[in-house]
Amino acid sequence: MSAKIKTREWDSVEYLRNEEDIRLYLEAAMEEAPDDAAYMAAVLGDVARARNIAELARTTGIARETLYKTLRGEGNPTLATISKLANALGFRLGLIPMPSKAPTPKRPRTRAQAAKAPAKSAKPTKPRKVA
């Protein structure tokens, strides 16, 4: 006779007990899929559920039903919605430069640098035909 093991669905909200847990959770989510707005909305939804979603609805001015839909990762939330949610949860959105493989643009030379540089030779011109 085999014993039945009861399982339940994983819910990360149960592990978001303090601000440090939430910060680490958000950092991990940004590493995982920084370009996926629906995923980030779902992550913010987890944070909102760890706190108080009814209070979040009042703070943001977004209807609770809309919040639930947005925070489940359904649809394509706007940047304004994500920003409102982040602000209400005590965070702000930011832009982080990505490592670039392209060469960096050259900075304009100063007059002193131009004076020290050897003069470039002029491009030879073709002789003109005189009629």
Protein backbone atom coordinates (compact mmCIF):
# COMPACT_ATOMS: atom_id res chain seq x y z
CA MET A 1 0.00 0.00 0.00
CA SER A 2 1.48 3.34 -1.04
CA ALA A 3 1.07 6.47 1.02
CA LYS A 4 -0.42 9.44 -0.76
CA ILE A 5 1.55 12.62 -0.56
CA LYS A 6 -0.45 15.81 -0.54
CA THR A 7 1.03 18.63 -2.55
CA ARG A 8 -0.05 22.15 -3.19
CA GLU A 9 0.77 24.73 -5.81
CA TRP A 10 3.88 26.86 -5.22
CA ASP A 11 3.08 30.41 -4.20
CA SER A 12 6.05 32.72 -3.87
CA VAL A 13 3.93 35.16 -1.86
CA GLU A 14 4.28 32.88 1.16
CA TYR A 15 8.02 33.59 1.15
CA LEU A 16 7.86 37.38 0.78
CA ARG A 17 7.91 38.07 4.50
CA ASN A 18 9.90 41.30 4.71
CA GLU A 19 11.31 44.13 2.60
CA GLU A 20 14.60 42.31 2.01
CA ASP A 21 12.76 39.26 0.63
CA ILE A 22 10.75 41.51 -1.67
CA ARG A 23 13.85 43.40 -2.87
CA LEU A 24 15.68 40.16 -3.66
CA TYR A 25 12.61 38.76 -5.40
CA LEU A 26 12.32 41.84 -7.63
CA GLU A 27 16.05 41.80 -8.43
CA ALA A 28 15.85 38.13 -9.42
CA ALA A 29 12.82 38.84 -11.62
CA MET A 30 14.64 41.71 -13.37
CA GLU A 31 17.57 39.39 -14.06
CA GLU A 32 15.24 36.68 -15.37
CA ALA A 33 13.11 38.67 -17.83
CA PRO A 34 13.71 42.42 -17.79
CA ASP A 35 11.95 42.97 -21.14
CA ASP A 36 8.74 41.08 -20.35
CA ALA A 37 6.15 43.58 -19.07
CA ALA A 38 3.54 40.89 -18.38
CA TYR A 39 6.03 38.88 -16.30
CA MET A 40 7.06 41.97 -14.34
CA ALA A 41 3.40 42.81 -13.77
CA ALA A 42 2.88 39.31 -12.37
CA VAL A 43 5.92 39.75 -10.11
CA LEU A 44 4.54 43.07 -8.87
CA GLY A 45 1.26 41.22 -8.34
CA ASP A 46 3.03 38.76 -6.05
CA VAL A 47 4.44 41.68 -4.07
CA ALA A 48 1.01 43.32 -3.97
CA ARG A 49 -0.58 40.11 -2.68
CA ALA A 50 2.15 39.85 -0.05
CA ARG A 51 1.02 43.27 1.09
CA ASN A 52 -2.60 44.43 0.78
CA ILE A 53 -4.11 44.49 -2.71
CA ALA A 54 -7.24 46.42 -1.65
CA GLU A 55 -5.03 49.20 -0.27
CA LEU A 56 -3.01 49.14 -3.48
CA ALA A 57 -6.20 49.65 -5.50
CA ARG A 58 -7.08 52.70 -3.40
CA THR A 59 -3.55 54.12 -3.62
CA THR A 60 -3.21 53.74 -7.39
CA GLY A 61 -6.78 54.62 -8.30
CA ILE A 62 -6.95 51.45 -10.42
CA ALA A 63 -10.03 49.27 -10.00
CA ARG A 64 -9.35 46.10 -8.01
CA GLU A 65 -10.57 43.85 -10.82
CA THR A 66 -8.24 45.60 -13.27
CA LEU A 67 -5.40 45.19 -10.81
CA TYR A 68 -6.05 41.47 -10.48
CA LYS A 69 -6.09 41.06 -14.26
CA THR A 70 -2.95 43.14 -14.73
CA LEU A 71 -1.11 41.52 -11.84
CA ARG A 72 -1.76 38.00 -13.12
CA GLY A 73 0.31 38.88 -16.17
CA GLU A 74 -2.65 38.90 -18.54
CA GLY A 75 -2.73 41.41 -21.33
CA ASN A 76 -0.06 43.98 -22.01
CA PRO A 77 0.10 46.53 -19.18
CA THR A 78 1.19 50.04 -20.04
CA LEU A 79 4.32 51.62 -18.63
CA ALA A 80 2.08 54.06 -16.77
CA THR A 81 0.26 51.19 -15.04
CA ILE A 82 3.49 49.41 -14.09
CA SER A 83 4.94 52.69 -12.84
CA LYS A 84 1.86 53.42 -10.70
CA LEU A 85 2.03 49.95 -9.20
CA ALA A 86 5.74 50.18 -8.50
CA ASN A 87 5.36 53.60 -6.86
CA ALA A 88 2.45 52.44 -4.72
CA LEU A 89 4.55 49.48 -3.58
CA GLY A 90 7.43 51.78 -2.65
CA PHE A 91 9.61 51.23 -5.71
CA ARG A 92 10.47 53.20 -8.81
CA LEU A 93 11.29 52.07 -12.28
CA GLY A 94 14.73 52.76 -13.67
CA LEU A 95 16.71 52.37 -16.84
CA ILE A 96 19.99 50.53 -16.59
CA PRO A 97 22.52 50.73 -19.43
CA MET A 98 23.15 47.44 -21.16
CA PRO A 99 26.68 46.31 -21.93
CA SER A 100 27.37 47.35 -25.49
CA LYS A 101 29.30 45.46 -28.13
CA ALA A 102 29.30 48.44 -30.45
CA PRO A 103 32.27 50.80 -30.31
CA THR A 104 31.71 53.92 -28.29
CA PRO A 105 31.37 57.09 -30.35
CA LYS A 106 34.47 59.25 -30.57
CA ARG A 107 34.48 62.37 -28.48
CA PRO A 108 35.20 65.62 -30.31
CA ARG A 109 38.82 66.69 -30.08
CA THR A 110 39.72 69.77 -28.12
CA ARG A 111 41.68 72.57 -29.78
CA ALA A 112 44.80 71.51 -27.89
CA GLN A 113 44.47 67.93 -29.16
CA ALA A 114 43.88 69.16 -32.70
CA ALA A 115 46.99 71.37 -32.56
CA LYS A 116 49.16 68.43 -31.42
CA ALA A 117 47.85 66.04 -34.07
CA PRO A 118 49.73 65.83 -37.38
CA ALA A 119 47.98 67.60 -40.23
CA LYS A 120 46.03 65.38 -42.57
CA SER A 121 47.14 65.51 -46.16
CA ALA A 122 44.64 67.01 -48.54
CA LYS A 123 43.02 64.70 -51.02
CA PRO A 124 44.56 65.19 -54.48
CA THR A 125 42.18 66.75 -56.96
CA LYS A 126 41.83 65.65 -60.55
CA PRO A 127 43.07 68.09 -63.13
CA ARG A 128 40.30 69.89 -64.90
CA LYS A 129 40.05 69.81 -68.66
CA VAL A 130 40.31 73.21 -70.19
CA ALA A 131 38.45 73.69 -73.41
